[in-house]
Amino acid sequence: MSKQLGQDAGNTKWYEMSERLIPVVKETKGKDPNVDFFSASAYYTMGIPLDLFTPIFAVARIAGWTAHIMEQHRNNRIIRPTDEYTGPQGLTVVPIEKR
């Protein structure tokens, strides 16, 4: 889809950049691209503002997240991920209107 959108728009720059990143990420991180990898280049080509990329990602998953919550409530147990969060701790949220 990203490639086709780029071709239709007459600008495949973002698709080509994504393609060039795949072997770099594979070599440095040992990871293959996931289903969302080309979304950024497709969204950018369509003129979608960068600030909307994450909300679009989230909206597309709300049904699945809701299904997980319903399953957890039905079985009366929390499904815990096997990953461990290693990001920053103790951060504060700054309201958008104060940025």
PDB file of N, CA and C in Angstrom:
ATOM      1  N   MET A   1       0.829  -1.181   0.000  1.00  0.00           N
ATOM      2  CA  MET A   1       0.000   0.000   0.000  1.00  0.00           C
ATOM      3  C   MET A   1       0.880   1.254   0.000  1.00  0.00           C
ATOM      4  N   SER A   2       1.930   1.265   0.811  1.00  0.00           N
ATOM      5  CA  SER A   2       2.829   2.425   0.864  1.00  0.00           C
ATOM      6  C   SER A   2       3.465   2.681  -0.503  1.00  0.00           C
ATOM      7  N   LYS A   3       3.898   1.619  -1.131  1.00  0.00           N
ATOM      8  CA  LYS A   3       4.529   1.757  -2.451  1.00  0.00           C
ATOM      9  C   LYS A   3       3.527   2.301  -3.468  1.00  0.00           C
ATOM     10  N   GLN A   4       2.326   1.722  -3.479  1.00  0.00           N
ATOM     11  CA  GLN A   4       1.304   2.145  -4.430  1.00  0.00           C
ATOM     12  C   GLN A   4       0.896   3.594  -4.193  1.00  0.00           C
ATOM     13  N   LEU A   5       0.722   3.972  -2.924  1.00  0.00           N
ATOM     14  CA  LEU A   5       0.379   5.361  -2.615  1.00  0.00           C
ATOM     15  C   LEU A   5       1.467   6.315  -3.106  1.00  0.00           C
ATOM     16  N   GLY A   6       2.723   5.947  -2.894  1.00  0.00           N
ATOM     17  CA  GLY A   6       3.837   6.770  -3.355  1.00  0.00           C
ATOM     18  C   GLY A   6       3.849   6.908  -4.864  1.00  0.00           C
ATOM     19  N   GLN A   7       3.617   5.791  -5.538  1.00  0.00           N
ATOM     20  CA  GLN A   7       3.582   5.833  -7.005  1.00  0.00           C
ATOM     21  C   GLN A   7       2.435   6.708  -7.496  1.00  0.00           C
ATOM     22  N   ASP A   8       1.268   6.543  -6.874  1.00  0.00           N
ATOM     23  CA  ASP A   8       0.102   7.335  -7.281  1.00  0.00           C
ATOM     24  C   ASP A   8       0.322   8.824  -7.019  1.00  0.00           C
ATOM     25  N   ALA A   9       1.056   9.142  -5.948  1.00  0.00           N
ATOM     26  CA  ALA A   9       1.325  10.545  -5.603  1.00  0.00           C
ATOM     27  C   ALA A   9       2.528  11.104  -6.348  1.00  0.00           C
ATOM     28  N   GLY A  10       3.248  10.236  -7.060  1.00  0.00           N
ATOM     29  CA  GLY A  10       4.436  10.686  -7.780  1.00  0.00           C
ATOM     30  C   GLY A  10       5.616  10.951  -6.861  1.00  0.00           C
ATOM     31  N   ASN A  11       5.616  10.313  -5.680  1.00  0.00           N
ATOM     32  CA  ASN A  11       6.710  10.502  -4.728  1.00  0.00           C
ATOM     33  C   ASN A  11       6.875   9.229  -3.895  1.00  0.00           C
ATOM     34  N   THR A  12       7.815   8.390  -4.309  1.00  0.00           N
ATOM     35  CA  THR A  12       8.047   7.130  -3.588  1.00  0.00           C
ATOM     36  C   THR A  12       9.179   7.258  -2.562  1.00  0.00           C
ATOM     37  N   LYS A  13       9.609   8.482  -2.296  1.00  0.00           N
ATOM     38  CA  LYS A  13      10.732   8.728  -1.384  1.00  0.00           C
ATOM     39  C   LYS A  13      10.543   8.040  -0.024  1.00  0.00           C
ATOM     40  N   TRP A  14       9.358   8.183   0.576  1.00  0.00           N
ATOM     41  CA  TRP A  14       9.132   7.651   1.929  1.00  0.00           C
ATOM     42  C   TRP A  14       9.069   6.125   1.920  1.00  0.00           C
ATOM     43  N   TYR A  15       8.472   5.558   0.876  1.00  0.00           N
ATOM     44  CA  TYR A  15       8.461   4.098   0.738  1.00  0.00           C
ATOM     45  C   TYR A  15       9.883   3.577   0.567  1.00  0.00           C
ATOM     46  N   GLU A  16      10.647   4.214  -0.304  1.00  0.00           N
ATOM     47  CA  GLU A  16      12.028   3.780  -0.554  1.00  0.00           C
ATOM     48  C   GLU A  16      12.881   3.892   0.713  1.00  0.00           C
ATOM     49  N   MET A  17      12.666   4.934   1.488  1.00  0.00           N
ATOM     50  CA  MET A  17      13.395   5.095   2.742  1.00  0.00           C
ATOM     51  C   MET A  17      13.059   3.939   3.702  1.00  0.00           C
ATOM     52  N   SER A  18      11.795   3.590   3.765  1.00  0.00           N
ATOM     53  CA  SER A  18      11.375   2.470   4.616  1.00  0.00           C
ATOM     54  C   SER A  18      12.046   1.175   4.170  1.00  0.00           C
ATOM     55  N   GLU A  19      12.072   0.941   2.872  1.00  0.00           N
ATOM     56  CA  GLU A  19      12.712  -0.272   2.347  1.00  0.00           C
ATOM     57  C   GLU A  19      14.199  -0.315   2.728  1.00  0.00           C
ATOM     58  N   ARG A  20      14.876   0.839   2.667  1.00  0.00           N
ATOM     59  CA  ARG A  20      16.301   0.880   3.017  1.00  0.00           C
ATOM     60  C   ARG A  20      16.536   0.652   4.505  1.00  0.00           C
ATOM     61  N   LEU A  21      15.556   0.984   5.317  1.00  0.00           N
ATOM     62  CA  LEU A  21      15.703   0.804   6.769  1.00  0.00           C
ATOM     63  C   LEU A  21      15.574  -0.661   7.207  1.00  0.00           C
ATOM     64  N   ILE A  22      14.855  -1.459   6.450  1.00  0.00           N
ATOM     65  CA  ILE A  22      14.615  -2.856   6.846  1.00  0.00           C
ATOM     66  C   ILE A  22      15.913  -3.611   7.106  1.00  0.00           C
ATOM     67  N   PRO A  23      16.877  -3.640   6.163  1.00  0.00           N
ATOM     68  CA  PRO A  23      18.105  -4.392   6.451  1.00  0.00           C
ATOM     69  C   PRO A  23      18.927  -3.791   7.593  1.00  0.00           C
ATOM     70  N   VAL A  24      18.850  -2.479   7.768  1.00  0.00           N
ATOM     71  CA  VAL A  24      19.593  -1.841   8.859  1.00  0.00           C
ATOM     72  C   VAL A  24      19.046  -2.302  10.203  1.00  0.00           C
ATOM     73  N   VAL A  25      17.733  -2.277  10.341  1.00  0.00           N
ATOM     74  CA  VAL A  25      17.103  -2.716  11.590  1.00  0.00           C
ATOM     75  C   VAL A  25      17.331  -4.209  11.797  1.00  0.00           C
ATOM     76  N   LYS A  26      17.229  -4.971  10.743  1.00  0.00           N
ATOM     77  CA  LYS A  26      17.461  -6.420  10.834  1.00  0.00           C
ATOM     78  C   LYS A  26      18.883  -6.701  11.326  1.00  0.00           C
ATOM     79  N   GLU A  27      19.846  -5.967  10.778  1.00  0.00           N
ATOM     80  CA  GLU A  27      21.246  -6.190  11.144  1.00  0.00           C
ATOM     81  C   GLU A  27      21.551  -5.705  12.561  1.00  0.00           C
ATOM     82  N   THR A  28      21.044  -4.542  12.934  1.00  0.00           N
ATOM     83  CA  THR A  28      21.396  -3.968  14.238  1.00  0.00           C
ATOM     84  C   THR A  28      20.532  -4.481  15.379  1.00  0.00           C
ATOM     85  N   LYS A  29      19.261  -4.771  15.104  1.00  0.00           N
ATOM     86  CA  LYS A  29      18.338  -5.187  16.170  1.00  0.00           C
ATOM     87  C   LYS A  29      17.895  -6.643  16.046  1.00  0.00           C
ATOM     88  N   GLY A  30      18.159  -7.245  14.875  1.00  0.00           N
ATOM     89  CA  GLY A  30      17.713  -8.617  14.661  1.00  0.00           C
ATOM     90  C   GLY A  30      16.200  -8.722  14.534  1.00  0.00           C
ATOM     91  N   LYS A  31      15.543  -7.649  14.098  1.00  0.00           N
ATOM     92  CA  LYS A  31      14.078  -7.606  14.014  1.00  0.00           C
ATOM     93  C   LYS A  31      13.619  -7.426  12.573  1.00  0.00           C
ATOM     94  N   ASP A  32      12.526  -8.101  12.259  1.00  0.00           N
ATOM     95  CA  ASP A  32      11.861  -7.900  10.982  1.00  0.00           C
ATOM     96  C   ASP A  32      10.772  -6.852  11.180  1.00  0.00           C
ATOM     97  N   PRO A  33      10.366  -6.163  10.109  1.00  0.00           N
ATOM     98  CA  PRO A  33       9.303  -5.166  10.270  1.00  0.00           C
ATOM     99  C   PRO A  33       7.973  -5.828  10.629  1.00  0.00           C
ATOM    100  N   ASN A  34       7.184  -5.140  11.453  1.00  0.00           N
ATOM    101  CA  ASN A  34       5.861  -5.670  11.776  1.00  0.00           C
ATOM    102  C   ASN A  34       4.834  -5.110  10.795  1.00  0.00           C
ATOM    103  N   VAL A  35       3.598  -5.449  11.019  1.00  0.00           N
ATOM    104  CA  VAL A  35       2.535  -5.064  10.098  1.00  0.00           C
ATOM    105  C   VAL A  35       2.380  -3.544  10.011  1.00  0.00           C
ATOM    106  N   ASP A  36       2.797  -2.821  11.035  1.00  0.00           N
ATOM    107  CA  ASP A  36       2.646  -1.372  11.050  1.00  0.00           C
ATOM    108  C   ASP A  36       3.835  -0.620  10.468  1.00  0.00           C
ATOM    109  N   PHE A  37       4.875  -1.315  10.086  1.00  0.00           N
ATOM    110  CA  PHE A  37       6.111  -0.657   9.672  1.00  0.00           C
ATOM    111  C   PHE A  37       5.902   0.363   8.557  1.00  0.00           C
ATOM    112  N   PHE A  38       5.172  -0.003   7.530  1.00  0.00           N
ATOM    113  CA  PHE A  38       4.986   0.886   6.388  1.00  0.00           C
ATOM    114  C   PHE A  38       3.867   1.898   6.597  1.00  0.00           C
ATOM    115  N   SER A  39       3.199   1.832   7.748  1.00  0.00           N
ATOM    116  CA  SER A  39       2.117   2.787   8.004  1.00  0.00           C
ATOM    117  C   SER A  39       2.619   4.221   7.975  1.00  0.00           C
ATOM    118  N   ALA A  40       3.769   4.467   8.585  1.00  0.00           N
ATOM    119  CA  ALA A  40       4.282   5.842   8.644  1.00  0.00           C
ATOM    120  C   ALA A  40       4.478   6.416   7.247  1.00  0.00           C
ATOM    121  N   SER A  41       5.102   5.655   6.361  1.00  0.00           N
ATOM    122  CA  SER A  41       5.329   6.185   5.007  1.00  0.00           C
ATOM    123  C   SER A  41       4.007   6.351   4.258  1.00  0.00           C
ATOM    124  N   ALA A  42       3.054   5.458   4.503  1.00  0.00           N
ATOM    125  CA  ALA A  42       1.744   5.586   3.856  1.00  0.00           C
ATOM    126  C   ALA A  42       1.003   6.806   4.392  1.00  0.00           C
ATOM    127  N   TYR A  43       0.970   6.959   5.703  1.00  0.00           N
ATOM    128  CA  TYR A  43       0.290   8.111   6.307  1.00  0.00           C
ATOM    129  C   TYR A  43       0.917   9.418   5.837  1.00  0.00           C
ATOM    130  N   TYR A  44       2.246   9.455   5.832  1.00  0.00           N
ATOM    131  CA  TYR A  44       2.945  10.674   5.437  1.00  0.00           C
ATOM    132  C   TYR A  44       2.620  11.037   3.994  1.00  0.00           C
ATOM    133  N   THR A  45       2.614  10.033   3.131  1.00  0.00           N
ATOM    134  CA  THR A  45       2.296  10.247   1.723  1.00  0.00           C
ATOM    135  C   THR A  45       0.863  10.759   1.564  1.00  0.00           C
ATOM    136  N   MET A  46      -0.040  10.297   2.414  1.00  0.00           N
ATOM    137  CA  MET A  46      -1.439  10.740   2.340  1.00  0.00           C
ATOM    138  C   MET A  46      -1.648  12.116   2.959  1.00  0.00           C
ATOM    139  N   GLY A  47      -0.580  12.678   3.565  1.00  0.00           N
ATOM    140  CA  GLY A  47      -0.700  14.003   4.153  1.00  0.00           C
ATOM    141  C   GLY A  47      -1.285  14.008   5.550  1.00  0.00           C
ATOM    142  N   ILE A  48      -1.324  12.848   6.198  1.00  0.00           N
ATOM    143  CA  ILE A  48      -1.833  12.779   7.564  1.00  0.00           C
ATOM    144  C   ILE A  48      -0.795  13.396   8.497  1.00  0.00           C
ATOM    145  N   PRO A  49      -1.210  14.307   9.372  1.00  0.00           N
ATOM    146  CA  PRO A  49      -0.262  14.950  10.285  1.00  0.00           C
ATOM    147  C   PRO A  49       0.419  13.937  11.216  1.00  0.00           C
ATOM    148  N   LEU A  50       1.686  14.171  11.501  1.00  0.00           N
ATOM    149  CA  LEU A  50       2.462  13.267  12.362  1.00  0.00           C
ATOM    150  C   LEU A  50       1.779  13.027  13.698  1.00  0.00           C
ATOM    151  N   ASP A  51       1.149  14.055  14.257  1.00  0.00           N
ATOM    152  CA  ASP A  51       0.492  13.920  15.559  1.00  0.00           C
ATOM    153  C   ASP A  51      -0.666  12.931  15.551  1.00  0.00           C
ATOM    154  N   LEU A  52      -1.140  12.556  14.379  1.00  0.00           N
ATOM    155  CA  LEU A  52      -2.254  11.610  14.296  1.00  0.00           C
ATOM    156  C   LEU A  52      -1.802  10.166  14.088  1.00  0.00           C
ATOM    157  N   PHE A  53      -0.533   9.924  13.847  1.00  0.00           N
ATOM    158  CA  PHE A  53      -0.060   8.560  13.607  1.00  0.00           C
ATOM    159  C   PHE A  53      -0.393   7.650  14.783  1.00  0.00           C
ATOM    160  N   THR A  54      -0.067   8.057  16.003  1.00  0.00           N
ATOM    161  CA  THR A  54      -0.314   7.224  17.175  1.00  0.00           C
ATOM    162  C   THR A  54      -1.809   7.047  17.444  1.00  0.00           C
ATOM    163  N   PRO A  55      -2.621   8.107  17.371  1.00  0.00           N
ATOM    164  CA  PRO A  55      -4.057   7.886  17.558  1.00  0.00           C
ATOM    165  C   PRO A  55      -4.655   6.912  16.537  1.00  0.00           C
ATOM    166  N   ILE A  56      -4.213   6.981  15.292  1.00  0.00           N
ATOM    167  CA  ILE A  56      -4.710   6.037  14.283  1.00  0.00           C
ATOM    168  C   ILE A  56      -4.323   4.615  14.676  1.00  0.00           C
ATOM    169  N   PHE A  57      -3.089   4.444  15.130  1.00  0.00           N
ATOM    170  CA  PHE A  57      -2.621   3.132  15.603  1.00  0.00           C
ATOM    171  C   PHE A  57      -3.533   2.637  16.718  1.00  0.00           C
ATOM    172  N   ALA A  58      -3.832   3.508  17.679  1.00  0.00           N
ATOM    173  CA  ALA A  58      -4.642   3.117  18.832  1.00  0.00           C
ATOM    174  C   ALA A  58      -6.080   2.794  18.432  1.00  0.00           C
ATOM    175  N   VAL A  59      -6.684   3.644  17.605  1.00  0.00           N
ATOM    176  CA  VAL A  59      -8.070   3.425  17.198  1.00  0.00           C
ATOM    177  C   VAL A  59      -8.222   2.068  16.502  1.00  0.00           C
ATOM    178  N   ALA A  60      -7.225   1.713  15.712  1.00  0.00           N
ATOM    179  CA  ALA A  60      -7.277   0.439  14.989  1.00  0.00           C
ATOM    180  C   ALA A  60      -7.216  -0.764  15.927  1.00  0.00           C
ATOM    181  N   ARG A  61      -6.789  -0.544  17.153  1.00  0.00           N
ATOM    182  CA  ARG A  61      -6.633  -1.661  18.090  1.00  0.00           C
ATOM    183  C   ARG A  61      -7.649  -1.684  19.229  1.00  0.00           C
ATOM    184  N   ILE A  62      -8.503  -0.692  19.298  1.00  0.00           N
ATOM    185  CA  ILE A  62      -9.440  -0.606  20.411  1.00  0.00           C
ATOM    186  C   ILE A  62     -10.318  -1.849  20.519  1.00  0.00           C
ATOM    187  N   ALA A  63     -10.781  -2.384  19.407  1.00  0.00           N
ATOM    188  CA  ALA A  63     -11.626  -3.583  19.463  1.00  0.00           C
ATOM    189  C   ALA A  63     -10.865  -4.751  20.095  1.00  0.00           C
ATOM    190  N   GLY A  64      -9.596  -4.923  19.716  1.00  0.00           N
ATOM    191  CA  GLY A  64      -8.793  -6.009  20.292  1.00  0.00           C
ATOM    192  C   GLY A  64      -8.506  -5.786  21.757  1.00  0.00           C
ATOM    193  N   TRP A  65      -8.178  -4.554  22.124  1.00  0.00           N
ATOM    194  CA  TRP A  65      -7.929  -4.246  23.534  1.00  0.00           C
ATOM    195  C   TRP A  65      -9.184  -4.494  24.357  1.00  0.00           C
ATOM    196  N   THR A  66     -10.343  -4.094  23.807  1.00  0.00           N
ATOM    197  CA  THR A  66     -11.615  -4.309  24.504  1.00  0.00           C
ATOM    198  C   THR A  66     -11.886  -5.797  24.669  1.00  0.00           C
ATOM    199  N   ALA A  67     -11.608  -6.575  23.648  1.00  0.00           N
ATOM    200  CA  ALA A  67     -11.789  -8.029  23.744  1.00  0.00           C
ATOM    201  C   ALA A  67     -10.906  -8.616  24.840  1.00  0.00           C
ATOM    202  N   HIS A  68      -9.685  -8.129  24.967  1.00  0.00           N
ATOM    203  CA  HIS A  68      -8.798  -8.611  26.026  1.00  0.00           C
ATOM    204  C   HIS A  68      -9.366  -8.277  27.403  1.00  0.00           C
ATOM    205  N   ILE A  69      -9.866  -7.061  27.561  1.00  0.00           N
ATOM    206  CA  ILE A  69     -10.446  -6.656  28.847  1.00  0.00           C
ATOM    207  C   ILE A  69     -11.650  -7.531  29.181  1.00  0.00           C
ATOM    208  N   MET A  70     -12.501  -7.768  28.194  1.00  0.00           N
ATOM    209  CA  MET A  70     -13.684  -8.615  28.427  1.00  0.00           C
ATOM    210  C   MET A  70     -13.264 -10.030  28.812  1.00  0.00           C
ATOM    211  N   GLU A  71     -12.241 -10.561  28.149  1.00  0.00           N
ATOM    212  CA  GLU A  71     -11.739 -11.895  28.480  1.00  0.00           C
ATOM    213  C   GLU A  71     -11.184 -11.931  29.896  1.00  0.00           C
ATOM    214  N   GLN A  72     -10.450 -10.890  30.266  1.00  0.00           N
ATOM    215  CA  GLN A  72      -9.891 -10.831  31.612  1.00  0.00           C
ATOM    216  C   GLN A  72     -10.999 -10.794  32.658  1.00  0.00           C
ATOM    217  N   HIS A  73     -12.030 -10.005  32.416  1.00  0.00           N
ATOM    218  CA  HIS A  73     -13.141  -9.927  33.368  1.00  0.00           C
ATOM    219  C   HIS A  73     -13.905 -11.249  33.435  1.00  0.00           C
ATOM    220  N   ARG A  74     -14.082 -11.893  32.316  1.00  0.00           N
ATOM    221  CA  ARG A  74     -14.824 -13.160  32.264  1.00  0.00           C
ATOM    222  C   ARG A  74     -14.101 -14.245  33.054  1.00  0.00           C
ATOM    223  N   ASN A  75     -12.774 -14.262  32.976  1.00  0.00           N
ATOM    224  CA  ASN A  75     -11.996 -15.296  33.665  1.00  0.00           C
ATOM    225  C   ASN A  75     -11.506 -14.847  35.040  1.00  0.00           C
ATOM    226  N   ASN A  76     -11.845 -13.618  35.432  1.00  0.00           N
ATOM    227  CA  ASN A  76     -11.463 -13.059  36.729  1.00  0.00           C
ATOM    228  C   ASN A  76      -9.962 -13.133  36.982  1.00  0.00           C
ATOM    229  N   ARG A  77      -9.196 -12.904  35.958  1.00  0.00           N
ATOM    230  CA  ARG A  77      -7.750 -12.842  36.138  1.00  0.00           C
ATOM    231  C   ARG A  77      -7.153 -11.883  35.125  1.00  0.00           C
ATOM    232  N   ILE A  78      -6.117 -11.202  35.550  1.00  0.00           N
ATOM    233  CA  ILE A  78      -5.433 -10.254  34.681  1.00  0.00           C
ATOM    234  C   ILE A  78      -4.423 -11.013  33.834  1.00  0.00           C
ATOM    235  N   ILE A  79      -4.433 -10.742  32.546  1.00  0.00           N
ATOM    236  CA  ILE A  79      -3.455 -11.361  31.654  1.00  0.00           C
ATOM    237  C   ILE A  79      -2.219 -10.474  31.684  1.00  0.00           C
ATOM    238  N   ARG A  80      -1.149 -10.978  32.207  1.00  0.00           N
ATOM    239  CA  ARG A  80       0.082 -10.201  32.345  1.00  0.00           C
ATOM    240  C   ARG A  80       1.006 -10.472  31.159  1.00  0.00           C
ATOM    241  N   PRO A  81       1.550  -9.401  30.568  1.00  0.00           N
ATOM    242  CA  PRO A  81       2.518  -9.612  29.488  1.00  0.00           C
ATOM    243  C   PRO A  81       3.819 -10.184  30.052  1.00  0.00           C
ATOM    244  N   THR A  82       4.565 -10.848  29.201  1.00  0.00           N
ATOM    245  CA  THR A  82       5.835 -11.436  29.633  1.00  0.00           C
ATOM    246  C   THR A  82       6.988 -10.452  29.554  1.00  0.00           C
ATOM    247  N   ASP A  83       6.763  -9.307  28.907  1.00  0.00           N
ATOM    248  CA  ASP A  83       7.820  -8.308  28.791  1.00  0.00           C
ATOM    249  C   ASP A  83       7.931  -7.486  30.072  1.00  0.00           C
ATOM    250  N   GLU A  84       9.099  -6.937  30.297  1.00  0.00           N
ATOM    251  CA  GLU A  84       9.322  -6.079  31.442  1.00  0.00           C
ATOM    252  C   GLU A  84       9.617  -4.670  30.954  1.00  0.00           C
ATOM    253  N   TYR A  85       8.883  -3.694  31.486  1.00  0.00           N
ATOM    254  CA  TYR A  85       9.081  -2.308  31.097  1.00  0.00           C
ATOM    255  C   TYR A  85      10.442  -1.831  31.587  1.00  0.00           C
ATOM    256  N   THR A  86      11.221  -1.247  30.686  1.00  0.00           N
ATOM    257  CA  THR A  86      12.556  -0.763  31.055  1.00  0.00           C
ATOM    258  C   THR A  86      12.719   0.723  30.754  1.00  0.00           C
ATOM    259  N   GLY A  87      11.615   1.394  30.465  1.00  0.00           N
ATOM    260  CA  GLY A  87      11.666   2.812  30.123  1.00  0.00           C
ATOM    261  C   GLY A  87      11.805   3.701  31.344  1.00  0.00           C
ATOM    262  N   PRO A  88      11.723   4.999  31.118  1.00  0.00           N
ATOM    263  CA  PRO A  88      11.893   5.951  32.222  1.00  0.00           C
ATOM    264  C   PRO A  88      10.785   5.790  33.264  1.00  0.00           C
ATOM    265  N   GLN A  89      11.136   6.045  34.506  1.00  0.00           N
ATOM    266  CA  GLN A  89      10.199   5.936  35.622  1.00  0.00           C
ATOM    267  C   GLN A  89       9.920   7.320  36.197  1.00  0.00           C
ATOM    268  N   GLY A  90       8.789   7.478  36.859  1.00  0.00           N
ATOM    269  CA  GLY A  90       8.487   8.687  37.611  1.00  0.00           C
ATOM    270  C   GLY A  90       8.295   9.955  36.793  1.00  0.00           C
ATOM    271  N   LEU A  91       7.947   9.819  35.539  1.00  0.00           N
ATOM    272  CA  LEU A  91       7.736  11.003  34.707  1.00  0.00           C
ATOM    273  C   LEU A  91       6.408  11.668  35.052  1.00  0.00           C
ATOM    274  N   THR A  92       6.325  12.957  34.852  1.00  0.00           N
ATOM    275  CA  THR A  92       5.067  13.665  35.065  1.00  0.00           C
ATOM    276  C   THR A  92       4.481  14.044  33.717  1.00  0.00           C
ATOM    277  N   VAL A  93       3.179  14.125  33.675  1.00  0.00           N
ATOM    278  CA  VAL A  93       2.475  14.485  32.455  1.00  0.00           C
ATOM    279  C   VAL A  93       2.241  15.982  32.456  1.00  0.00           C
ATOM    280  N   VAL A  94       2.612  16.630  31.370  1.00  0.00           N
ATOM    281  CA  VAL A  94       2.369  18.058  31.210  1.00  0.00           C
ATOM    282  C   VAL A  94       1.142  18.208  30.307  1.00  0.00           C
ATOM    283  N   PRO A  95       0.089  18.827  30.824  1.00  0.00           N
ATOM    284  CA  PRO A  95      -1.106  19.001  29.972  1.00  0.00           C
ATOM    285  C   PRO A  95      -0.758  19.721  28.668  1.00  0.00           C
ATOM    286  N   ILE A  96      -1.420  19.323  27.601  1.00  0.00           N
ATOM    287  CA  ILE A  96      -1.144  19.880  26.275  1.00  0.00           C
ATOM    288  C   ILE A  96      -1.259  21.402  26.282  1.00  0.00           C
ATOM    289  N   GLU A  97      -2.275  21.917  26.981  1.00  0.00           N
ATOM    290  CA  GLU A  97      -2.487  23.366  26.958  1.00  0.00           C
ATOM    291  C   GLU A  97      -1.370  24.133  27.658  1.00  0.00           C
ATOM    292  N   LYS A  98      -0.506  23.446  28.428  1.00  0.00           N
ATOM    293  CA  LYS A  98       0.607  24.101  29.115  1.00  0.00           C
ATOM    294  C   LYS A  98       1.932  23.912  28.391  1.00  0.00           C
ATOM    295  N   ARG A  99       1.928  23.258  27.255  1.00  0.00           N
ATOM    296  CA  ARG A  99       3.171  23.032  26.500  1.00  0.00           C
ATOM    297  C   ARG A  99       3.494  24.217  25.645  1.00  0.00           C
TER     298      ARG A  99
END
